[in-house]
Amino acid sequence: MKLGRIDIHIDVALLSSHLVEPRTGHLEQVFNIFGYLKAHLNSHLVFDPQYVTWEQASFEQYDWKDFYNDAKEAIPPNAPAARGHPVQINAFVDANHAGNKITRRSHTGILIYLNCAPIVWYSKAQTMVETSTFGSEFVAMRILVEMLEAMRYKLRMLGVPIDGPSNVFCDNKSVVTNSTIPTSTLKKKYNSIAYHRVREAVAAGILQIAKVQSSENLVDLLTKSLP
């Protein structure tokens, strides 16, 4: 587990971009964060071991052999024998498109659960300006794929069995369609690296992606400051 206060992660991430030349307004926001921490001094983070029963119909399955016929997940050859109950990996991903009003860079948010226990959260500005929501969401999805691959490899090296593909939820319909339907074509070629990176991971059975309503996307906590 990566420790940290998930409830102030986005605020700390946004203020971190002003470390070089801070202004009075930035200091006032720091005071607001400390005021929040003082009011929520005894907050708790609940780790629930229960499985989630997702509707399998929301995860559309297709044959990828004609597109990525050699795609397969990297399995550690020297992993110990798996023991205990398999864990379910559930992840939420989102991007706040052009959220930074100064640079117009988007902000990526990722929240990964093992069963119902939040294990890893990620909130960071993207390194380049994306001209569309589709592009910023696909960049966030590519980052999530790399994090999931690393986590699945680590769990196997610890002898922890994994319950099938990782369940990923995204609120952008175009990203879900382009990631799950093999015959979908890419209209913006400059997103091709993230596009093929995600699709190949889906073909390898590393993850399966479903659409979720924006109001139900839990990762909003890591992409924008909430009231």
Protein backbone atom coordinates (compact mmCIF):
# COMPACT_ATOMS: atom_id res chain seq x y z
CA MET A 1 0.00 0.00 0.00
CA LYS A 2 1.13 3.52 -0.76
CA LEU A 3 0.27 5.67 2.25
CA GLY A 4 -1.11 9.17 2.04
CA ARG A 5 -4.18 11.30 2.64
CA ILE A 6 -6.37 10.55 -0.36
CA ASP A 7 -8.78 13.36 0.54
CA ILE A 8 -6.16 16.10 -0.01
CA HIS A 9 -4.19 14.40 -2.77
CA ILE A 10 -5.53 16.58 -5.59
CA ASP A 11 -4.97 19.80 -3.64
CA VAL A 12 -1.38 18.88 -2.82
CA ALA A 13 -0.76 17.90 -6.44
CA LEU A 14 -2.10 21.22 -7.75
CA LEU A 15 -0.09 23.30 -5.27
CA SER A 16 3.08 21.31 -6.00
CA SER A 17 3.22 22.88 -9.47
CA HIS A 18 3.83 26.29 -7.84
CA LEU A 19 6.82 25.39 -5.65
CA VAL A 20 9.25 27.47 -7.70
CA GLU A 21 7.43 30.81 -7.56
CA PRO A 22 4.68 30.64 -4.93
CA ARG A 23 2.34 33.58 -4.41
CA THR A 24 0.28 34.79 -1.48
CA GLY A 25 -2.82 33.04 -2.80
CA HIS A 26 -0.98 29.71 -2.80
CA LEU A 27 -0.06 30.16 0.85
CA GLU A 28 -3.69 30.89 1.67
CA GLN A 29 -4.69 27.60 0.02
CA VAL A 30 -2.06 25.79 2.12
CA PHE A 31 -3.70 27.28 5.22
CA ASN A 32 -7.06 25.95 3.97
CA ILE A 33 -5.58 22.45 3.66
CA PHE A 34 -4.22 22.55 7.20
CA GLY A 35 -7.58 23.87 8.41
CA TYR A 36 -9.28 20.91 6.74
CA LEU A 37 -6.83 18.46 8.32
CA LYS A 38 -7.43 20.01 11.74
CA ALA A 39 -11.19 19.56 11.31
CA HIS A 40 -10.78 15.97 10.07
CA LEU A 41 -8.01 14.86 12.38
CA ASN A 42 -9.50 11.46 13.20
CA SER A 43 -10.62 10.37 9.74
CA HIS A 44 -10.37 6.67 8.95
CA LEU A 45 -9.79 4.70 5.77
CA VAL A 46 -11.81 1.47 5.59
CA PHE A 47 -10.34 -1.66 4.01
CA ASP A 48 -13.19 -3.95 2.98
CA PRO A 49 -12.18 -7.48 1.84
CA GLN A 50 -15.56 -8.17 0.18
CA TYR A 51 -15.80 -8.93 -3.53
CA VAL A 52 -17.85 -6.76 -5.87
CA THR A 53 -20.38 -8.47 -8.13
CA TRP A 54 -20.28 -6.51 -11.38
CA GLU A 55 -22.77 -7.08 -14.18
CA GLN A 56 -20.72 -9.02 -16.71
CA ALA A 57 -22.88 -7.65 -19.53
CA SER A 58 -21.28 -4.23 -19.02
CA PHE A 59 -17.88 -5.72 -19.91
CA GLU A 60 -18.16 -6.43 -23.62
CA GLN A 61 -16.01 -9.32 -24.86
CA TYR A 62 -14.61 -9.56 -28.39
CA ASP A 63 -12.16 -11.68 -30.35
CA TRP A 64 -8.86 -9.81 -30.77
CA LYS A 65 -6.90 -12.49 -32.66
CA ASP A 66 -7.08 -10.67 -35.99
CA PHE A 67 -5.63 -7.51 -34.46
CA TYR A 68 -3.20 -8.53 -31.68
CA ASN A 69 -2.77 -12.28 -32.19
CA ASP A 70 0.42 -12.49 -30.10
CA ALA A 71 -0.73 -10.29 -27.19
CA LYS A 72 -0.25 -11.96 -23.82
CA GLU A 73 0.33 -10.90 -20.24
CA ALA A 74 3.85 -11.03 -18.81
CA ILE A 75 3.81 -13.79 -16.19
CA PRO A 76 6.86 -14.00 -13.88
CA PRO A 77 8.53 -17.39 -14.50
CA ASN A 78 9.92 -17.62 -10.97
CA ALA A 79 6.74 -16.67 -9.11
CA PRO A 80 5.90 -18.79 -6.04
CA ALA A 81 2.84 -21.01 -6.00
CA ALA A 82 -0.34 -18.96 -5.51
CA ARG A 83 -1.98 -19.42 -2.11
CA GLY A 84 -5.12 -18.12 -0.46
CA HIS A 85 -8.19 -16.55 -2.00
CA PRO A 86 -7.81 -14.70 -5.31
CA VAL A 87 -8.06 -10.92 -5.19
CA GLN A 88 -10.23 -8.82 -7.44
CA ILE A 89 -8.64 -5.72 -8.96
CA ASN A 90 -11.03 -2.81 -9.56
CA ALA A 91 -9.88 0.55 -10.94
CA PHE A 92 -11.41 3.92 -11.79
CA VAL A 93 -9.75 6.34 -14.20
CA ASP A 94 -10.54 9.87 -15.32
CA ALA A 95 -8.91 13.04 -16.61
CA ASN A 96 -9.84 16.66 -15.97
CA HIS A 97 -9.41 17.99 -19.51
CA ALA A 98 -7.47 21.27 -19.65
CA GLY A 99 -8.09 21.71 -15.95
CA ASN A 100 -5.01 23.87 -15.44
CA LYS A 101 -6.10 27.36 -16.50
CA ILE A 102 -2.49 28.54 -16.80
CA THR A 103 -0.97 25.80 -18.95
CA ARG A 104 -4.19 24.04 -20.07
CA ARG A 105 -2.71 20.69 -19.20
CA SER A 106 -5.10 17.96 -18.16
CA HIS A 107 -4.96 16.21 -14.80
CA THR A 108 -4.97 12.41 -14.48
CA GLY A 109 -6.71 10.62 -11.62
CA ILE A 110 -6.47 6.89 -10.91
CA LEU A 111 -7.91 4.88 -8.02
CA ILE A 112 -7.13 1.16 -7.69
CA TYR A 113 -8.87 -1.23 -5.31
CA LEU A 114 -8.08 -4.78 -4.27
CA ASN A 115 -11.58 -6.13 -3.65
CA CYS A 116 -13.14 -3.12 -1.87
CA ALA A 117 -9.92 -1.83 -0.30
CA PRO A 118 -8.32 1.28 -1.86
CA ILE A 119 -4.64 0.45 -2.34
CA VAL A 120 -3.15 2.93 -4.82
CA TRP A 121 -4.26 6.41 -5.82
CA TYR A 122 -2.61 8.64 -8.42
CA SER A 123 -3.18 12.33 -9.12
CA LYS A 124 -0.79 14.13 -11.43
CA ALA A 125 -0.76 16.68 -14.24
CA GLN A 126 -0.14 15.31 -17.71
CA THR A 127 3.13 16.24 -19.40
CA MET A 128 1.60 17.69 -22.58
CA VAL A 129 -1.47 19.65 -23.62
CA GLU A 130 -4.25 17.54 -25.12
CA THR A 131 -6.69 19.26 -27.46
CA SER A 132 -9.64 16.99 -26.67
CA THR A 133 -11.19 15.13 -23.77
CA PHE A 134 -10.71 11.91 -25.75
CA GLY A 135 -6.94 12.43 -25.89
CA SER A 136 -6.54 13.28 -22.22
CA GLU A 137 -8.69 10.30 -21.16
CA PHE A 138 -6.68 7.92 -23.35
CA VAL A 139 -3.41 9.19 -21.85
CA ALA A 140 -4.86 8.52 -18.38
CA MET A 141 -5.93 5.04 -19.48
CA ARG A 142 -2.42 4.27 -20.75
CA ILE A 143 -0.94 5.28 -17.38
CA LEU A 144 -3.45 3.02 -15.63
CA VAL A 145 -2.50 0.08 -17.88
CA GLU A 146 1.13 0.41 -16.87
CA MET A 147 0.20 0.61 -13.18
CA LEU A 148 -2.05 -2.46 -13.44
CA GLU A 149 0.64 -4.49 -15.20
CA ALA A 150 3.12 -3.63 -12.44
CA MET A 151 0.60 -4.47 -9.69
CA ARG A 152 -0.41 -7.80 -11.23
CA TYR A 153 3.25 -8.76 -11.61
CA LYS A 154 3.96 -7.78 -8.00
CA LEU A 155 0.99 -9.72 -6.64
CA ARG A 156 2.05 -12.85 -8.48
CA MET A 157 5.58 -12.51 -7.11
CA LEU A 158 4.04 -12.36 -3.62
CA GLY A 159 2.09 -15.56 -4.28
CA VAL A 160 -1.28 -13.81 -4.42
CA PRO A 161 -3.73 -15.27 -6.98
CA ILE A 162 -5.62 -12.81 -9.20
CA ASP A 163 -9.29 -13.16 -10.07
CA GLY A 164 -9.33 -12.71 -13.86
CA PRO A 165 -8.80 -9.43 -15.72
CA SER A 166 -8.74 -6.14 -13.85
CA ASN A 167 -12.08 -4.34 -13.91
CA VAL A 168 -11.64 -0.78 -15.18
CA PHE A 169 -14.31 1.93 -15.21
CA CYS A 170 -14.16 5.06 -17.36
CA ASP A 171 -16.81 7.71 -17.96
CA ASN A 172 -15.80 8.55 -21.55
CA LYS A 173 -17.85 6.54 -24.04
CA SER A 174 -15.44 7.07 -26.94
CA VAL A 175 -12.47 5.77 -24.95
CA VAL A 176 -14.44 2.70 -23.84
CA THR A 177 -15.55 1.99 -27.42
CA ASN A 178 -12.08 2.37 -28.93
CA SER A 179 -10.57 0.21 -26.17
CA THR A 180 -13.06 -2.65 -26.25
CA ILE A 181 -14.28 -3.00 -29.86
CA PRO A 182 -11.48 -4.31 -32.13
CA THR A 183 -12.89 -2.81 -35.34
CA SER A 184 -12.95 0.73 -33.92
CA THR A 185 -10.63 3.06 -35.81
CA LEU A 186 -8.46 5.82 -34.45
CA LYS A 187 -9.32 9.22 -35.89
CA LYS A 188 -6.57 11.18 -34.15
CA LYS A 189 -3.27 9.55 -35.00
CA TYR A 190 -1.20 11.48 -32.48
CA ASN A 191 -2.95 9.41 -29.79
CA SER A 192 -1.86 6.17 -31.46
CA ILE A 193 0.69 5.12 -28.81
CA ALA A 194 -1.82 5.30 -25.95
CA TYR A 195 -4.49 3.83 -28.24
CA HIS A 196 -2.55 0.67 -29.13
CA ARG A 197 -1.05 0.33 -25.65
CA VAL A 198 -4.51 0.07 -24.08
CA ARG A 199 -6.02 -2.12 -26.79
CA GLU A 200 -3.15 -4.60 -26.65
CA ALA A 201 -3.56 -4.89 -22.87
CA VAL A 202 -7.28 -5.61 -23.34
CA ALA A 203 -6.44 -8.25 -25.97
CA ALA A 204 -3.97 -9.85 -23.55
CA GLY A 205 -6.67 -10.18 -20.88
CA ILE A 206 -4.98 -7.80 -18.45
CA LEU A 207 -8.07 -5.63 -18.06
CA GLN A 208 -11.65 -5.22 -19.19
CA ILE A 209 -13.25 -1.81 -19.50
CA ALA A 210 -16.81 -0.65 -18.84
CA LYS A 211 -18.60 2.67 -19.06
CA VAL A 212 -19.64 4.34 -15.83
CA GLN A 213 -21.66 7.52 -15.35
CA SER A 214 -19.62 10.61 -14.51
CA SER A 215 -21.59 11.05 -11.28
CA GLU A 216 -20.52 7.53 -10.21
CA ASN A 217 -16.85 7.79 -11.10
CA LEU A 218 -15.11 7.66 -7.71
CA VAL A 219 -11.86 9.06 -9.09
CA ASP A 220 -13.32 12.57 -9.31
CA LEU A 221 -11.81 12.91 -5.85
CA LEU A 222 -8.37 12.89 -7.56
CA THR A 223 -9.02 15.08 -10.62
CA LYS A 224 -10.83 18.13 -9.29
CA SER A 225 -11.31 19.93 -6.00
CA LEU A 226 -14.67 18.90 -4.60
CA PRO A 227 -16.80 20.89 -2.13
